[in-house]
Amino acid sequence: MKTFLYKDNSDDRDCVKYIELEFNLQCGHYFSGVHLTGPCFSTSLDYEKPVYDNIKTILTKDEFEQLIQYDRDISELKYGITEGDERYLKGKKLQADIQNIVDKLQSEENKELFEEIIEEEKEYMKDEYNLSDDDIELIFGTYYLMYRDRGIVSYVFKGIEDLAYEEAYALGYATEENDRWFDFEKFGKDLLEEGYLELSDGRIVYLNY
């Protein structure tokens, strides 16, 4: 289950981070660490090493640092763990020690903070891509993953022709030799079935999955 963990204060596409809270034994022989995800990225918390003063999160500084330390400690147990052995019991103890953090991330308080983040992200997307409230609602209503931030929008094309031209060349379907015969309009319409979303003004949004 993915849950909002924090948002950093950068303008980066991946500024909102989500955490996978399922810490059970993976593939029957190792514990997963603190796995951060978003529409366009996947990494570990220890690798990211965010500065607490530069993020917005429900966790206190001590709790956040404890979560980073957990990521390090659980990763040190490595692979080949057998249920009931020494490393397994150590892993379960490490998990028990952060249960208060898991509970806090699953709390109503964190859900309310995430709603604030969502509103911030909607405003950013409206300014960045010149989107209306209706456009935002269409995008969020269409996007079926749980992510709710700027990272779900990859690109906004001017229209069907712009979409078709850019993607046909990018994918190698159209070239300077054959573009005079290439049916860009039909190709663009076909692309609308493949993760592209048409707005009321004719622009096309490509969504990240």
Protein backbone atom coordinates (compact mmCIF):
# COMPACT_ATOMS: atom_id res chain seq x y z
CA MET A 1 0.00 0.00 0.00
CA LYS A 2 1.47 3.33 -1.07
CA THR A 3 1.11 6.27 1.29
CA PHE A 4 2.21 9.93 1.14
CA LEU A 5 5.49 10.42 3.01
CA TYR A 6 6.78 13.91 2.18
CA LYS A 7 7.07 16.74 -0.30
CA ASP A 8 10.34 18.60 -0.74
CA ASN A 9 10.52 22.33 -1.38
CA SER A 10 12.03 22.07 -4.86
CA ASP A 11 10.29 22.64 -8.20
CA ASP A 12 11.38 19.20 -9.31
CA ARG A 13 8.88 16.99 -11.11
CA ASP A 14 9.40 14.30 -8.45
CA CYS A 15 9.07 16.52 -5.37
CA VAL A 16 6.24 14.44 -3.85
CA LYS A 17 7.32 11.09 -2.40
CA TYR A 18 5.22 8.08 -1.50
CA ILE A 19 6.21 5.12 0.62
CA GLU A 20 5.38 1.44 0.31
CA LEU A 21 4.26 0.35 3.79
CA GLU A 22 4.27 -3.40 3.21
CA PHE A 23 7.44 -4.52 4.99
CA ASN A 24 6.88 -8.27 4.97
CA LEU A 25 9.45 -10.84 3.88
CA GLN A 26 9.82 -10.49 0.11
CA CYS A 27 10.04 -13.54 -2.17
CA GLY A 28 10.38 -15.61 1.01
CA HIS A 29 13.96 -14.60 1.76
CA TYR A 30 14.56 -10.85 2.26
CA PHE A 31 13.00 -7.77 3.84
CA SER A 32 12.27 -4.78 1.64
CA GLY A 33 13.60 -1.43 2.76
CA VAL A 34 11.84 1.92 2.72
CA HIS A 35 10.83 2.10 -0.92
CA LEU A 36 10.00 5.57 -2.27
CA THR A 37 7.91 5.82 -5.41
CA GLY A 38 6.16 8.34 -7.64
CA PRO A 39 4.73 8.41 -11.16
CA CYS A 40 8.23 8.61 -12.69
CA PHE A 41 10.68 7.21 -10.16
CA SER A 42 11.50 4.48 -7.69
CA THR A 43 14.30 4.70 -5.13
CA SER A 44 15.16 4.08 -1.48
CA LEU A 45 14.87 6.54 1.37
CA ASP A 46 18.47 6.01 2.42
CA TYR A 47 19.63 6.74 -1.14
CA GLU A 48 17.53 9.90 -1.31
CA LYS A 49 18.67 11.21 2.10
CA PRO A 50 16.39 14.27 2.18
CA VAL A 51 17.19 17.17 4.51
CA TYR A 52 14.39 17.34 7.06
CA ASP A 53 14.24 21.15 7.09
CA ASN A 54 13.55 21.09 3.33
CA ILE A 55 10.53 18.80 3.37
CA LYS A 56 6.88 18.79 4.45
CA THR A 57 5.88 15.65 6.34
CA ILE A 58 3.70 14.51 9.22
CA LEU A 59 6.73 12.93 10.91
CA THR A 60 8.94 14.68 13.44
CA LYS A 61 12.63 15.02 12.70
CA ASP A 62 13.46 12.18 15.11
CA GLU A 63 10.84 9.94 13.50
CA PHE A 64 12.08 10.73 10.02
CA GLU A 65 15.69 9.99 10.96
CA GLN A 66 14.53 6.77 12.62
CA LEU A 67 12.87 5.75 9.35
CA ILE A 68 16.09 6.40 7.41
CA GLN A 69 18.05 4.35 9.95
CA TYR A 70 15.51 1.54 9.63
CA ASP A 71 16.09 1.53 5.87
CA ARG A 72 19.82 1.10 6.45
CA ASP A 73 19.46 -1.56 9.15
CA ILE A 74 16.89 -3.70 7.34
CA SER A 75 18.98 -3.60 4.14
CA GLU A 76 22.01 -4.89 6.06
CA LEU A 77 20.14 -8.15 6.74
CA LYS A 78 20.53 -8.90 3.01
CA TYR A 79 19.13 -12.01 1.29
CA GLY A 80 18.68 -15.70 2.05
CA ILE A 81 16.67 -15.14 5.23
CA THR A 82 14.67 -18.10 6.54
CA GLU A 83 11.50 -17.50 8.52
CA GLY A 84 12.34 -17.94 12.22
CA ASP A 85 16.12 -17.58 11.90
CA GLU A 86 18.22 -14.93 13.64
CA ARG A 87 18.07 -12.37 10.83
CA TYR A 88 14.32 -12.90 10.46
CA LEU A 89 13.74 -12.20 14.14
CA LYS A 90 15.98 -9.14 13.96
CA GLY A 91 14.02 -7.87 10.98
CA LYS A 92 10.70 -8.33 12.77
CA LYS A 93 12.13 -6.44 15.76
CA LEU A 94 13.21 -3.57 13.50
CA GLN A 95 9.70 -3.47 12.02
CA ALA A 96 8.09 -3.44 15.44
CA ASP A 97 10.28 -0.49 16.43
CA ILE A 98 8.86 1.68 13.62
CA GLN A 99 5.21 0.65 14.01
CA ASN A 100 4.46 4.04 15.58
CA ILE A 101 5.73 5.69 12.39
CA VAL A 102 3.63 3.40 10.19
CA ASP A 103 0.56 4.21 12.29
CA LYS A 104 1.25 7.92 11.99
CA LEU A 105 1.58 7.72 8.20
CA GLN A 106 -1.75 5.89 8.05
CA SER A 107 -3.48 8.42 10.31
CA GLU A 108 -6.23 10.89 9.42
CA GLU A 109 -3.76 13.66 10.19
CA ASN A 110 -1.47 12.50 7.38
CA LYS A 111 -4.42 12.13 5.01
CA GLU A 112 -5.36 15.74 5.74
CA LEU A 113 -1.78 16.88 5.06
CA PHE A 114 -1.83 14.97 1.77
CA GLU A 115 -5.04 16.76 0.78
CA GLU A 116 -3.20 20.06 1.30
CA ILE A 117 -0.35 18.79 -0.87
CA ILE A 118 -2.81 17.76 -3.58
CA GLU A 119 -4.26 21.27 -3.67
CA GLU A 120 -0.76 22.75 -3.93
CA GLU A 121 0.02 20.39 -6.80
CA LYS A 122 -3.20 21.26 -8.61
CA GLU A 123 -2.33 24.96 -8.43
CA TYR A 124 1.18 24.24 -9.73
CA MET A 125 -0.20 22.23 -12.66
CA LYS A 126 -2.72 24.94 -13.51
CA ASP A 127 0.04 27.57 -13.65
CA GLU A 128 2.64 25.39 -15.35
CA TYR A 129 0.42 24.02 -18.12
CA ASN A 130 -2.30 26.70 -18.27
CA LEU A 131 -4.95 24.21 -17.14
CA SER A 132 -8.46 25.01 -15.92
CA ASP A 133 -10.17 23.49 -12.89
CA ASP A 134 -12.14 21.26 -15.27
CA ASP A 135 -8.90 20.13 -16.95
CA ILE A 136 -7.41 19.20 -13.57
CA GLU A 137 -10.50 17.26 -12.55
CA LEU A 138 -10.46 15.39 -15.87
CA ILE A 139 -6.78 14.50 -15.46
CA PHE A 140 -7.16 13.38 -11.85
CA GLY A 141 -10.37 11.53 -12.67
CA THR A 142 -8.76 9.68 -15.57
CA TYR A 143 -5.46 8.81 -13.88
CA TYR A 144 -6.05 5.46 -12.18
CA LEU A 145 -2.96 5.13 -9.96
CA MET A 146 -3.00 6.63 -6.45
CA TYR A 147 -0.42 9.35 -7.19
CA ARG A 148 -1.83 12.88 -7.04
CA ASP A 149 0.92 15.31 -8.00
CA ARG A 150 2.57 17.12 -10.93
CA GLY A 151 4.52 14.01 -11.87
CA ILE A 152 1.46 12.37 -13.42
CA VAL A 153 1.65 14.81 -16.37
CA SER A 154 4.46 14.02 -18.77
CA TYR A 155 3.74 16.57 -21.50
CA VAL A 156 0.96 18.73 -22.89
CA PHE A 157 0.77 18.78 -26.70
CA LYS A 158 -0.87 21.61 -28.66
CA GLY A 159 -3.25 19.20 -30.39
CA ILE A 160 -3.64 15.97 -32.31
CA GLU A 161 -1.29 17.02 -35.13
CA ASP A 162 1.43 18.18 -32.73
CA LEU A 163 1.11 14.94 -30.77
CA ALA A 164 1.19 12.76 -33.87
CA TYR A 165 4.14 14.56 -35.47
CA GLU A 166 6.31 14.52 -32.34
CA GLU A 167 5.56 10.92 -31.39
CA ALA A 168 5.75 9.50 -34.91
CA TYR A 169 9.26 10.89 -35.30
CA ALA A 170 10.28 9.97 -31.76
CA LEU A 171 9.15 6.36 -32.27
CA GLY A 172 10.75 6.14 -35.72
CA TYR A 173 7.48 5.60 -37.60
CA ALA A 174 7.83 8.81 -39.59
CA THR A 175 10.97 10.04 -41.32
CA GLU A 176 11.86 12.86 -43.69
CA GLU A 177 11.52 10.34 -46.52
CA ASN A 178 8.00 9.11 -45.70
CA ASP A 179 6.27 11.90 -43.75
CA ARG A 180 4.53 13.22 -46.91
CA TRP A 181 2.51 9.96 -46.98
CA PHE A 182 2.24 9.42 -43.23
CA ASP A 183 -1.31 9.79 -41.86
CA PHE A 184 -0.50 11.91 -38.80
CA GLU A 185 -4.15 12.60 -37.98
CA LYS A 186 -5.10 8.91 -37.81
CA PHE A 187 -1.93 8.10 -35.87
CA GLY A 188 -2.74 10.84 -33.36
CA LYS A 189 -6.28 9.56 -32.85
CA ASP A 190 -4.94 6.05 -32.28
CA LEU A 191 -2.56 7.40 -29.64
CA LEU A 192 -5.52 8.69 -27.62
CA GLU A 193 -6.14 5.06 -26.69
CA GLU A 194 -2.63 4.70 -25.28
CA GLY A 195 -2.40 6.95 -22.20
CA TYR A 196 -3.07 10.27 -23.94
CA LEU A 197 -5.95 12.47 -22.82
CA GLU A 198 -7.68 15.13 -24.93
CA LEU A 199 -8.72 18.33 -23.14
CA SER A 200 -11.77 20.44 -24.05
CA ASP A 201 -9.59 22.99 -25.90
CA GLY A 202 -8.06 20.27 -28.10
CA ARG A 203 -4.72 20.01 -26.32
CA ILE A 204 -3.45 16.52 -25.51
CA VAL A 205 -2.01 15.47 -22.16
CA TYR A 206 0.33 12.49 -21.90
CA LEU A 207 0.06 10.82 -18.50
CA ASN A 208 2.88 9.00 -16.73
CA TYR A 209 2.17 5.46 -15.54
